[in-house]
């Protein structure tokens, strides 16, 4: 079914909202060097959290698996989002995770909010963030599963964009955003896509 991947991603995103990690009042699309994602704000339009993924939104709609995300909130806390293969992860509130940045292993904790998606809210410490800026490869291991992402220095620009994003204010809604430019919202945490977000059948893009 062409929209099944989008439905699963929409459900995972809404579960993340429902877990209290993001307010669901407004989102806009952001991008940096081939990474795309969303800025999300609460009341008043102030940005609460920004997220960039290592692929375009259209590619996420086609397949939200085997994907890396980096987040930053208003307080400057940096976190990670790891997307594994379908049905590879057991849902759990607390999951031990090993993040390997090049040759450095860092033990952190995350939450498995779906059968393929682990949120590591952080905050990651300054050492980890400094390593990310220079990273060529990031690996995330949890529940005996491993995902390897070749980033080749792209995280420096991603982290800088997230920093500026978190200091911005969302514009007032114009009412003409397209489904590809808007994060799923106003949906119960079930495998059902929002009515206004009809996915388009596009080929998946390669991760960075």
Protein backbone atom coordinates (compact mmCIF):
# COMPACT_ATOMS: atom_id res chain seq x y z
CA UNK A 1 0.00 0.00 0.00
CA UNK A 2 1.69 3.27 -1.11
CA UNK A 3 0.74 5.28 2.00
CA UNK A 4 1.54 2.66 4.61
CA UNK A 5 5.03 4.01 5.37
CA UNK A 6 3.65 7.53 5.85
CA UNK A 7 0.96 6.20 8.16
CA UNK A 8 3.55 4.49 10.36
CA UNK A 9 5.72 7.61 10.44
CA UNK A 10 2.71 9.78 11.23
CA UNK A 11 1.78 7.48 14.09
CA UNK A 12 5.33 7.48 15.44
CA UNK A 13 5.53 11.29 15.22
CA UNK A 14 2.22 11.70 17.03
CA UNK A 15 3.32 9.23 19.69
CA UNK A 16 6.38 11.42 20.19
CA UNK A 17 4.11 14.42 20.62
CA UNK A 18 1.90 12.42 22.96
CA UNK A 19 4.94 11.45 25.04
CA UNK A 20 5.35 15.12 25.94
CA UNK A 21 8.54 15.64 23.94
CA UNK A 22 6.91 18.10 21.53
CA UNK A 23 3.90 20.41 21.77
CA UNK A 24 1.56 19.96 18.82
CA UNK A 25 0.31 23.49 18.22
CA UNK A 26 2.32 24.41 15.09
CA UNK A 27 5.07 23.13 12.82
CA UNK A 28 7.07 24.49 9.91
CA UNK A 29 9.58 22.78 7.64
CA UNK A 30 13.32 23.45 8.07
CA UNK A 31 16.30 22.18 6.08
CA UNK A 32 20.10 22.07 6.06
CA UNK A 33 22.43 20.45 3.51
CA UNK A 34 19.97 17.76 2.42
CA UNK A 35 18.62 17.16 5.93
CA UNK A 36 14.97 18.18 6.43
CA UNK A 37 12.63 18.32 9.38
CA UNK A 38 10.37 20.51 11.46
CA UNK A 39 10.36 23.32 13.97
CA UNK A 40 7.58 23.02 16.51
CA UNK A 41 6.19 25.77 18.72
CA UNK A 42 3.87 26.12 21.65
CA UNK A 43 1.71 29.08 22.60
CA UNK A 44 2.92 32.50 21.52
CA UNK A 45 4.82 31.20 18.49
CA UNK A 46 8.14 30.69 20.30
CA UNK A 47 9.98 27.63 19.00
CA UNK A 48 10.01 24.78 21.51
CA UNK A 49 11.99 22.17 19.56
CA UNK A 50 13.62 21.71 16.17
CA UNK A 51 14.36 18.39 14.46
CA UNK A 52 16.33 17.54 11.31
CA UNK A 53 16.40 14.09 9.68
CA UNK A 54 19.07 12.75 7.33
CA UNK A 55 16.74 12.73 4.33
CA UNK A 56 14.12 14.83 2.58
CA UNK A 57 10.51 14.94 3.77
CA UNK A 58 9.38 13.24 0.55
CA UNK A 59 11.80 10.38 1.25
CA UNK A 60 10.54 10.13 4.84
CA UNK A 61 7.00 9.81 3.48
CA UNK A 62 8.17 6.95 1.26
CA UNK A 63 10.12 5.15 4.01
CA UNK A 64 10.74 6.34 7.58
CA UNK A 65 13.10 3.44 8.36
CA UNK A 66 16.89 3.28 8.80
CA UNK A 67 16.96 7.00 9.52
CA UNK A 68 18.73 9.39 11.91
CA UNK A 69 17.29 12.53 13.47
CA UNK A 70 18.89 15.24 15.58
CA UNK A 71 16.84 17.51 17.85
CA UNK A 72 17.45 20.66 19.88
CA UNK A 73 15.04 22.37 22.26
CA UNK A 74 14.73 25.96 23.46
CA UNK A 75 17.02 25.22 26.42
CA UNK A 76 19.79 24.05 24.09
CA UNK A 77 19.44 20.34 24.86
CA UNK A 78 20.53 18.15 21.94
CA UNK A 79 18.97 14.72 21.41
CA UNK A 80 18.79 11.97 18.80
CA UNK A 81 16.08 9.97 17.06
CA UNK A 82 16.91 6.53 15.69
CA UNK A 83 14.67 4.78 13.17
CA UNK A 84 15.32 1.05 12.72
CA UNK A 85 13.77 -1.55 10.41
CA UNK A 86 10.06 -2.44 10.89
CA UNK A 87 9.16 -4.62 13.86
CA UNK A 88 12.74 -4.64 15.15
CA UNK A 89 12.15 -2.76 18.40
CA UNK A 90 10.01 -3.58 21.43
CA UNK A 91 8.21 -0.60 22.91
CA UNK A 92 9.57 0.44 26.30
CA UNK A 93 9.74 3.59 28.39
CA UNK A 94 13.43 3.12 29.20
CA UNK A 95 15.85 1.58 26.70
CA UNK A 96 19.65 1.41 27.15
CA UNK A 97 21.27 2.77 24.00
CA UNK A 98 24.90 2.87 22.84
CA UNK A 99 25.75 5.78 20.56
CA UNK A 100 29.09 5.32 18.80
CA UNK A 101 30.48 8.49 17.25
CA UNK A 102 33.36 7.36 15.06
CA UNK A 103 35.34 5.28 17.61
CA UNK A 104 33.84 6.72 20.81
CA UNK A 105 31.06 4.78 22.55
CA UNK A 106 28.59 6.72 24.71
CA UNK A 107 25.93 5.08 26.88
CA UNK A 108 22.58 6.92 26.97
CA UNK A 109 18.92 6.14 27.59
CA UNK A 110 16.01 6.39 25.21
CA UNK A 111 12.34 5.54 24.83
CA UNK A 112 11.09 3.09 22.22
CA UNK A 113 7.84 4.73 21.14
CA UNK A 114 7.07 2.38 18.25
CA UNK A 115 8.32 -0.91 16.80
CA UNK A 116 11.04 0.91 14.84
CA UNK A 117 11.63 4.29 16.52
CA UNK A 118 13.71 5.22 19.58
CA UNK A 119 13.80 8.78 20.93
CA UNK A 120 16.92 9.81 22.85
CA UNK A 121 15.81 13.12 24.35
CA UNK A 122 19.15 13.76 26.03
CA UNK A 123 20.45 16.14 26.77
CA UNK A 124 23.65 14.80 25.22
CA UNK A 125 26.65 16.21 27.04
CA UNK A 126 29.03 18.74 25.50
CA UNK A 127 31.64 16.06 24.75
CA UNK A 128 29.14 14.09 22.68
CA UNK A 129 27.99 17.21 20.82
CA UNK A 130 31.62 18.19 20.06
CA UNK A 131 32.26 14.68 18.72
CA UNK A 132 29.15 14.91 16.55
CA UNK A 133 30.48 18.08 14.91
CA UNK A 134 33.50 16.16 13.62
CA UNK A 135 31.77 12.82 13.04
CA UNK A 136 32.06 10.77 9.90
CA UNK A 137 29.95 7.85 11.16
CA UNK A 138 27.31 7.58 13.88
CA UNK A 139 26.06 4.19 15.04
CA UNK A 140 23.10 3.61 17.35
CA UNK A 141 22.65 0.24 19.04
CA UNK A 142 19.67 -0.86 21.13
CA UNK A 143 17.86 -4.12 21.84
CA UNK A 144 20.47 -6.07 19.83
CA UNK A 145 19.86 -3.97 16.74
CA UNK A 146 22.32 -1.57 15.17
CA UNK A 147 21.94 1.29 12.70
CA UNK A 148 24.98 2.87 11.04
CA UNK A 149 24.78 6.35 9.51
CA UNK A 150 27.51 7.89 7.37
CA UNK A 151 27.34 11.63 8.05
CA UNK A 152 30.75 12.78 6.74
CA UNK A 153 30.88 15.99 8.77
CA UNK A 154 27.31 17.07 7.99
CA UNK A 155 26.34 17.23 11.66
CA UNK A 156 28.28 20.47 12.21
CA UNK A 157 25.92 22.32 9.87
CA UNK A 158 22.91 20.44 11.23
CA UNK A 159 23.75 21.43 14.81
CA UNK A 160 24.28 25.06 13.79
CA UNK A 161 20.93 25.15 11.95
CA UNK A 162 19.15 23.63 14.93
CA UNK A 163 20.70 26.26 17.19
CA UNK A 164 19.46 29.15 15.05
CA UNK A 165 16.10 27.43 14.60
CA UNK A 166 15.56 27.15 18.35
CA UNK A 167 16.04 30.91 18.68
CA UNK A 168 13.40 31.75 16.07
CA UNK A 169 9.68 32.43 16.29
CA UNK A 170 7.15 30.68 14.08
CA UNK A 171 5.21 32.88 11.65
CA UNK A 172 1.44 33.02 11.94
CA UNK A 173 -0.25 30.16 10.01
CA UNK A 174 -1.04 31.18 6.41
CA UNK A 175 -3.49 28.35 5.76
CA UNK A 176 -1.77 27.30 2.52
CA UNK A 177 0.88 24.82 3.68
CA UNK A 178 1.06 21.53 1.84
CA UNK A 179 1.04 18.07 3.47
CA UNK A 180 4.75 17.62 2.67
CA UNK A 181 5.62 20.84 4.53
CA UNK A 182 3.67 20.12 7.69
CA UNK A 183 4.37 17.59 10.42
CA UNK A 184 1.45 15.27 11.26
CA UNK A 185 -0.71 16.64 14.07
CA UNK A 186 -4.19 16.58 15.58
CA UNK A 187 -4.21 12.79 15.25
CA UNK A 188 -4.71 10.16 17.92
CA UNK A 189 -1.62 7.93 18.47
CA UNK A 190 -2.84 5.23 16.10
CA UNK A 191 -1.72 3.96 12.69
CA UNK A 192 -3.96 6.48 10.91
CA UNK A 193 -2.65 9.32 8.76
CA UNK A 194 -4.08 12.84 9.24
CA UNK A 195 -6.90 13.59 6.79
CA UNK A 196 -5.15 16.67 5.45
CA UNK A 197 -1.87 14.85 4.88
CA UNK A 198 -2.43 12.64 1.84
CA UNK A 199 0.96 11.09 0.99
CA UNK A 200 2.33 11.23 -2.51
CA UNK A 201 4.00 8.19 -4.01
CA UNK A 202 7.60 9.32 -4.48
CA UNK A 203 10.88 7.37 -4.54
CA UNK A 204 12.85 7.21 -1.32
CA UNK A 205 15.97 9.34 -1.15
CA UNK A 206 19.30 8.13 0.15
CA UNK A 207 20.33 9.07 3.67
CA UNK A 208 23.37 11.30 4.31
